[in-house]
C-alpha atoms as a PDB file:
ATOM      1  CA  UNK A   1     -58.665  16.848 -33.821  1.00  0.00           C
ATOM      2  CA  UNK A   2     -62.204  17.577 -34.423  1.00  0.00           C
ATOM      3  CA  UNK A   3     -62.974  18.237 -38.158  1.00  0.00           C
ATOM      4  CA  UNK A   4     -65.689  20.588 -39.140  1.00  0.00           C
ATOM      5  CA  UNK A   5     -66.530  20.957 -42.908  1.00  0.00           C
ATOM      6  CA  UNK A   6     -69.310  21.626 -45.147  1.00  0.00           C
ATOM      7  CA  UNK A   7     -70.332  20.072 -48.310  1.00  0.00           C
ATOM      8  CA  UNK A   8     -72.681  21.566 -50.696  1.00  0.00           C
ATOM      9  CA  UNK A   9     -74.105  20.748 -54.212  1.00  0.00           C
ATOM     10  CA  UNK A  10     -72.738  22.798 -57.117  1.00  0.00           C
ATOM     11  CA  UNK A  11     -75.448  23.748 -59.372  1.00  0.00           C
ATOM     12  CA  UNK A  12     -73.488  24.650 -62.289  1.00  0.00           C
ATOM     13  CA  UNK A  13     -70.884  22.901 -64.586  1.00  0.00           C
ATOM     14  CA  UNK A  14     -67.154  22.220 -63.001  1.00  0.00           C
ATOM     15  CA  UNK A  15     -65.779  24.294 -65.907  1.00  0.00           C
ATOM     16  CA  UNK A  16     -68.126  27.085 -65.045  1.00  0.00           C
ATOM     17  CA  UNK A  17     -67.183  27.085 -61.354  1.00  0.00           C
ATOM     18  CA  UNK A  18     -63.454  26.588 -62.165  1.00  0.00           C
ATOM     19  CA  UNK A  19     -63.514  29.640 -64.470  1.00  0.00           C
ATOM     20  CA  UNK A  20     -65.095  31.853 -61.531  1.00  0.00           C
ATOM     21  CA  UNK A  21     -62.441  30.833 -58.747  1.00  0.00           C
ATOM     22  CA  UNK A  22     -59.321  30.888 -61.142  1.00  0.00           C
ATOM     23  CA  UNK A  23     -60.326  34.408 -62.012  1.00  0.00           C
ATOM     24  CA  UNK A  24     -60.383  35.149 -58.336  1.00  0.00           C
ATOM     25  CA  UNK A  25     -56.697  33.570 -58.017  1.00  0.00           C
ATOM     26  CA  UNK A  26     -57.338  30.038 -56.976  1.00  0.00           C
ATOM     27  CA  UNK A  27     -54.795  27.602 -58.132  1.00  0.00           C
ATOM     28  CA  UNK A  28     -55.258  23.898 -58.487  1.00  0.00           C
ATOM     29  CA  UNK A  29     -53.184  22.097 -55.989  1.00  0.00           C
ATOM     30  CA  UNK A  30     -53.929  18.329 -56.746  1.00  0.00           C
ATOM     31  CA  UNK A  31     -56.408  16.069 -58.178  1.00  0.00           C
ATOM     32  CA  UNK A  32     -57.325  12.792 -56.715  1.00  0.00           C
ATOM     33  CA  UNK A  33     -59.323   9.479 -57.768  1.00  0.00           C
ATOM     34  CA  UNK A  34     -61.208   8.171 -54.656  1.00  0.00           C
ATOM     35  CA  UNK A  35     -63.089   4.797 -54.066  1.00  0.00           C
ATOM     36  CA  UNK A  36     -64.790   4.571 -50.658  1.00  0.00           C
ATOM     37  CA  UNK A  37     -66.398   1.291 -49.947  1.00  0.00           C
ATOM     38  CA  UNK A  38     -68.594   1.116 -46.573  1.00  0.00           C
ATOM     39  CA  UNK A  39     -69.124  -1.977 -44.827  1.00  0.00           C
ATOM     40  CA  UNK A  40     -71.430  -2.707 -41.936  1.00  0.00           C
ATOM     41  CA  UNK A  41     -73.179  -5.264 -39.987  1.00  0.00           C
ATOM     42  CA  UNK A  42     -76.270  -3.194 -39.445  1.00  0.00           C
ATOM     43  CA  UNK A  43     -77.536  -2.898 -43.094  1.00  0.00           C
ATOM     44  CA  UNK A  44     -80.903  -4.179 -41.778  1.00  0.00           C
ATOM     45  CA  UNK A  45     -81.443  -1.234 -39.566  1.00  0.00           C
ATOM     46  CA  UNK A  46     -81.246   1.506 -42.315  1.00  0.00           C
ATOM     47  CA  UNK A  47     -85.081   2.170 -41.657  1.00  0.00           C
ATOM     48  CA  UNK A  48     -83.948   3.412 -38.316  1.00  0.00           C
ATOM     49  CA  UNK A  49     -81.658   6.026 -39.645  1.00  0.00           C
ATOM     50  CA  UNK A  50     -78.988   6.070 -42.293  1.00  0.00           C
ATOM     51  CA  UNK A  51     -76.564   8.267 -39.925  1.00  0.00           C
ATOM     52  CA  UNK A  52     -76.818   5.569 -37.121  1.00  0.00           C
ATOM     53  CA  UNK A  53     -75.752   2.910 -39.703  1.00  0.00           C
ATOM     54  CA  UNK A  54     -72.994   5.016 -40.993  1.00  0.00           C
ATOM     55  CA  UNK A  55     -71.727   5.380 -37.540  1.00  0.00           C
ATOM     56  CA  UNK A  56     -71.338   1.586 -37.256  1.00  0.00           C
ATOM     57  CA  UNK A  57     -69.513   1.276 -40.406  1.00  0.00           C
ATOM     58  CA  UNK A  58     -65.855   1.031 -41.602  1.00  0.00           C
ATOM     59  CA  UNK A  59     -64.650   2.484 -44.860  1.00  0.00           C
ATOM     60  CA  UNK A  60     -62.142   1.152 -46.970  1.00  0.00           C
ATOM     61  CA  UNK A  61     -60.748   4.097 -49.019  1.00  0.00           C
ATOM     62  CA  UNK A  62     -58.303   3.934 -52.017  1.00  0.00           C
ATOM     63  CA  UNK A  63     -57.025   7.234 -52.924  1.00  0.00           C
ATOM     64  CA  UNK A  64     -54.772   7.949 -56.138  1.00  0.00           C
ATOM     65  CA  UNK A  65     -53.151  11.541 -55.964  1.00  0.00           C
ATOM     66  CA  UNK A  66     -52.337  13.255 -59.241  1.00  0.00           C
ATOM     67  CA  UNK A  67     -51.847   9.621 -60.935  1.00  0.00           C
ATOM     68  CA  UNK A  68     -48.801   8.903 -58.900  1.00  0.00           C
ATOM     69  CA  UNK A  69     -49.282   8.234 -54.907  1.00  0.00           C
ATOM     70  CA  UNK A  70     -51.637   5.831 -53.885  1.00  0.00           C
ATOM     71  CA  UNK A  71     -52.822   5.714 -50.310  1.00  0.00           C
ATOM     72  CA  UNK A  72     -54.949   2.860 -48.801  1.00  0.00           C
ATOM     73  CA  UNK A  73     -56.776   2.786 -45.401  1.00  0.00           C
ATOM     74  CA  UNK A  74     -59.226   1.428 -43.287  1.00  0.00           C
ATOM     75  CA  UNK A  75     -61.153   4.143 -41.505  1.00  0.00           C
ATOM     76  CA  UNK A  76     -63.955   4.334 -38.815  1.00  0.00           C
ATOM     77  CA  UNK A  77     -65.780   7.922 -38.871  1.00  0.00           C
ATOM     78  CA  UNK A  78     -68.166   8.911 -36.082  1.00  0.00           C
ATOM     79  CA  UNK A  79     -70.187  12.056 -36.812  1.00  0.00           C
ATOM     80  CA  UNK A  80     -71.671  14.032 -34.023  1.00  0.00           C
ATOM     81  CA  UNK A  81     -75.239  15.431 -34.992  1.00  0.00           C
ATOM     82  CA  UNK A  82     -77.357  17.905 -32.870  1.00  0.00           C
ATOM     83  CA  UNK A  83     -80.602  18.468 -33.876  1.00  0.00           C
ATOM     84  CA  UNK A  84     -80.359  16.708 -37.062  1.00  0.00           C
ATOM     85  CA  UNK A  85     -77.891  18.989 -38.052  1.00  0.00           C
ATOM     86  CA  UNK A  86     -73.983  17.510 -38.344  1.00  0.00           C
ATOM     87  CA  UNK A  87     -71.451  19.467 -36.142  1.00  0.00           C
ATOM     88  CA  UNK A  88     -68.435  17.603 -36.302  1.00  0.00           C
ATOM     89  CA  UNK A  89     -66.394  14.398 -37.150  1.00  0.00           C
ATOM     90  CA  UNK A  90     -63.732  12.339 -35.724  1.00  0.00           C
ATOM     91  CA  UNK A  91     -61.930   9.731 -37.819  1.00  0.00           C
ATOM     92  CA  UNK A  92     -59.712   6.817 -36.882  1.00  0.00           C
ATOM     93  CA  UNK A  93     -57.331   5.874 -39.871  1.00  0.00           C
ATOM     94  CA  UNK A  94     -55.304   2.723 -40.103  1.00  0.00           C
ATOM     95  CA  UNK A  95     -53.058   2.296 -43.436  1.00  0.00           C
ATOM     96  CA  UNK A  96     -53.555  -0.897 -45.362  1.00  0.00           C
ATOM     97  CA  UNK A  97     -51.670  -2.584 -47.740  1.00  0.00           C
ATOM     98  CA  UNK A  98     -54.044  -4.775 -49.159  1.00  0.00           C
ATOM     99  CA  UNK A  99     -57.620  -3.270 -49.566  1.00  0.00           C
ATOM    100  CA  UNK A 100     -58.984  -6.742 -50.994  1.00  0.00           C
ATOM    101  CA  UNK A 101     -57.720  -8.631 -48.383  1.00  0.00           C
ATOM    102  CA  UNK A 102     -59.101  -6.266 -45.659  1.00  0.00           C
ATOM    103  CA  UNK A 103     -62.599  -6.583 -47.547  1.00  0.00           C
ATOM    104  CA  UNK A 104     -62.427 -10.403 -47.383  1.00  0.00           C
ATOM    105  CA  UNK A 105     -61.719  -9.968 -43.623  1.00  0.00           C
ATOM    106  CA  UNK A 106     -64.541  -7.953 -42.804  1.00  0.00           C
ATOM    107  CA  UNK A 107     -66.987 -10.212 -44.835  1.00  0.00           C
ATOM    108  CA  UNK A 108     -65.793 -13.182 -43.025  1.00  0.00           C
ATOM    109  CA  UNK A 109     -66.710 -11.373 -40.041  1.00  0.00           C
ATOM    110  CA  UNK A 110     -70.303 -10.527 -40.981  1.00  0.00           C
ATOM    111  CA  UNK A 111     -69.893  -7.380 -42.543  1.00  0.00           C
ATOM    112  CA  UNK A 112     -71.774  -6.616 -45.832  1.00  0.00           C
ATOM    113  CA  UNK A 113     -70.778  -3.948 -48.534  1.00  0.00           C
ATOM    114  CA  UNK A 114     -73.397  -0.830 -47.958  1.00  0.00           C
ATOM    115  CA  UNK A 115     -72.295   1.320 -50.705  1.00  0.00           C
ATOM    116  CA  UNK A 116     -69.155   2.227 -52.764  1.00  0.00           C
ATOM    117  CA  UNK A 117     -68.516   5.989 -53.691  1.00  0.00           C
ATOM    118  CA  UNK A 118     -66.158   6.817 -56.582  1.00  0.00           C
ATOM    119  CA  UNK A 119     -65.137  10.278 -57.255  1.00  0.00           C
ATOM    120  CA  UNK A 120     -62.570  12.549 -58.774  1.00  0.00           C
ATOM    121  CA  UNK A 121     -61.676  15.358 -56.195  1.00  0.00           C
ATOM    122  CA  UNK A 122     -59.737  18.406 -58.083  1.00  0.00           C
ATOM    123  CA  UNK A 123     -58.621  20.801 -55.333  1.00  0.00           C
ATOM    124  CA  UNK A 124     -58.137  24.514 -55.714  1.00  0.00           C
ATOM    125  CA  UNK A 125     -56.501  26.842 -53.059  1.00  0.00           C
ATOM    126  CA  UNK A 126     -55.924  30.516 -52.486  1.00  0.00           C
ATOM    127  CA  UNK A 127     -54.399  31.815 -49.125  1.00  0.00           C
ATOM    128  CA  UNK A 128     -54.700  28.443 -47.287  1.00  0.00           C
ATOM    129  CA  UNK A 129     -58.528  28.307 -48.024  1.00  0.00           C
ATOM    130  CA  UNK A 130     -59.218  25.090 -50.176  1.00  0.00           C
ATOM    131  CA  UNK A 131     -62.067  24.277 -52.327  1.00  0.00           C
ATOM    132  CA  UNK A 132     -62.442  20.384 -52.998  1.00  0.00           C
ATOM    133  CA  UNK A 133     -64.582  19.735 -55.863  1.00  0.00           C
ATOM    134  CA  UNK A 134     -66.138  16.257 -55.924  1.00  0.00           C
ATOM    135  CA  UNK A 135     -67.402  14.858 -59.161  1.00  0.00           C
ATOM    136  CA  UNK A 136     -69.345  11.739 -57.603  1.00  0.00           C
ATOM    137  CA  UNK A 137     -70.503   8.832 -59.863  1.00  0.00           C
ATOM    138  CA  UNK A 138     -74.341   8.568 -59.641  1.00  0.00           C
ATOM    139  CA  UNK A 139     -74.822  11.793 -57.792  1.00  0.00           C
ATOM    140  CA  UNK A 140     -73.156  14.961 -59.443  1.00  0.00           C
ATOM    141  CA  UNK A 141     -70.875  17.786 -58.475  1.00  0.00           C
ATOM    142  CA  UNK A 142     -70.504  18.475 -54.773  1.00  0.00           C
ATOM    143  CA  UNK A 143     -68.012  21.197 -53.066  1.00  0.00           C
ATOM    144  CA  UNK A 144     -66.488  20.547 -49.718  1.00  0.00           C
ATOM    145  CA  UNK A 145     -64.884  22.900 -47.488  1.00  0.00           C
ATOM    146  CA  UNK A 146     -63.027  22.307 -44.081  1.00  0.00           C
ATOM    147  CA  UNK A 147     -62.536  24.829 -41.662  1.00  0.00           C
ATOM    148  CA  UNK A 148     -58.527  25.835 -40.818  1.00  0.00           C
ATOM    149  CA  UNK A 149     -59.802  26.854 -37.301  1.00  0.00           C
ATOM    150  CA  UNK A 150     -59.025  24.843 -34.050  1.00  0.00           C
ATOM    151  CA  UNK A 151     -62.576  24.128 -32.957  1.00  0.00           C
ATOM    152  CA  UNK A 152     -61.855  21.211 -30.680  1.00  0.00           C
ATOM    153  CA  UNK A 153     -63.291  23.351 -27.703  1.00  0.00           C
ATOM    154  CA  UNK A 154     -65.850  25.230 -29.597  1.00  0.00           C
ATOM    155  CA  UNK A 155     -69.414  25.081 -28.684  1.00  0.00           C
ATOM    156  CA  UNK A 156     -72.058  23.432 -30.991  1.00  0.00           C
ATOM    157  CA  UNK A 157     -73.332  27.369 -31.608  1.00  0.00           C
ATOM    158  CA  UNK A 158     -69.755  28.548 -32.323  1.00  0.00           C
ATOM    159  CA  UNK A 159     -69.324  25.321 -34.925  1.00  0.00           C
ATOM    160  CA  UNK A 160     -72.546  26.314 -36.573  1.00  0.00           C
ATOM    161  CA  UNK A 161     -71.354  29.970 -36.995  1.00  0.00           C
ATOM    162  CA  UNK A 162     -68.317  28.741 -38.440  1.00  0.00           C
ATOM    163  CA  UNK A 163     -70.029  26.462 -41.063  1.00  0.00           C
ATOM    164  CA  UNK A 164     -72.500  29.511 -41.933  1.00  0.00           C
ATOM    165  CA  UNK A 165     -69.092  31.709 -42.538  1.00  0.00           C
ATOM    166  CA  UNK A 166     -67.856  29.068 -44.715  1.00  0.00           C
ATOM    167  CA  UNK A 167     -70.831  28.903 -46.693  1.00  0.00           C
ATOM    168  CA  UNK A 168     -70.983  32.621 -47.032  1.00  0.00           C
ATOM    169  CA  UNK A 169     -67.449  32.446 -48.378  1.00  0.00           C
ATOM    170  CA  UNK A 170     -68.453  30.322 -51.248  1.00  0.00           C
ATOM    171  CA  UNK A 171     -71.820  32.386 -52.113  1.00  0.00           C
ATOM    172  CA  UNK A 172     -69.077  35.454 -52.098  1.00  0.00           C
ATOM    173  CA  UNK A 173     -66.873  33.638 -54.761  1.00  0.00           C
ATOM    174  CA  UNK A 174     -70.210  33.759 -57.102  1.00  0.00           C
ATOM    175  CA  UNK A 175     -70.381  29.928 -56.954  1.00  0.00           C
ATOM    176  CA  UNK A 176     -74.317  28.533 -57.731  1.00  0.00           C
ATOM    177  CA  UNK A 177     -74.471  26.410 -54.589  1.00  0.00           C
ATOM    178  CA  UNK A 178     -77.248  24.455 -52.623  1.00  0.00           C
ATOM    179  CA  UNK A 179     -78.388  25.684 -49.341  1.00  0.00           C
ATOM    180  CA  UNK A 180     -77.980  22.257 -47.422  1.00  0.00           C
ATOM    181  CA  UNK A 181     -74.526  22.514 -45.833  1.00  0.00           C
ATOM    182  CA  UNK A 182     -74.100  18.690 -45.006  1.00  0.00           C
ATOM    183  CA  UNK A 183     -74.635  16.776 -48.251  1.00  0.00           C
ATOM    184  CA  UNK A 184     -73.085  13.494 -47.581  1.00  0.00           C
ATOM    185  CA  UNK A 185     -72.116  11.343 -50.590  1.00  0.00           C
ATOM    186  CA  UNK A 186     -72.487   7.893 -49.186  1.00  0.00           C
ATOM    187  CA  UNK A 187     -75.935   8.779 -47.524  1.00  0.00           C
ATOM    188  CA  UNK A 188     -77.366  10.397 -50.581  1.00  0.00           C
ATOM    189  CA  UNK A 189     -76.360   7.160 -52.781  1.00  0.00           C
ATOM    190  CA  UNK A 190     -77.672   4.840 -49.974  1.00  0.00           C
ATOM    191  CA  UNK A 191     -81.115   6.487 -49.993  1.00  0.00           C
ATOM    192  CA  UNK A 192     -80.869   6.072 -53.784  1.00  0.00           C
ATOM    193  CA  UNK A 193     -79.840   2.163 -53.782  1.00  0.00           C
ATOM    194  CA  UNK A 194     -82.335   1.283 -50.836  1.00  0.00           C
ATOM    195  CA  UNK A 195     -84.992   3.505 -51.986  1.00  0.00           C
ATOM    196  CA  UNK A 196     -85.053   5.233 -48.540  1.00  0.00           C
END
């Protein structure tokens, strides 16, 4: 299924944002620690565009949910852009018992570590509407919201309208957020690491 989401910067402290939404009836449903390591064979092509390199990368994901369950995956993400705007992404996930061995395998095949993204993700929910805050090491506080609509057959215009609707919902909650709807953690950290 095509995933449609927005990710925005949060320009206030996490506690302030959480107070606002819990006063509106949102409840915490989980909290995860996530470590994403991106590997690519195309690091030398970053000057051609970070998005292009990211679309040729694999992601090794470690996720610890609520301090109990652990998930380890190898993921490939393909992001579709139109006129520089992210429309949607599709993912291929593969469960992996040993991420260290997976890392060794990919580096033996010529892949290099592009960036590692570490973040804590408390998620709040009300009536099926989930707010995933992301405290990203070296970047700051972000907020991700995924559409609950099935947009597999939607036009680009319909998808962009849904993204605007999700953004408006966040504004209606009184959150102080940035106007960029597609802040990407890895991209921002790569820009900083490689001075792009």
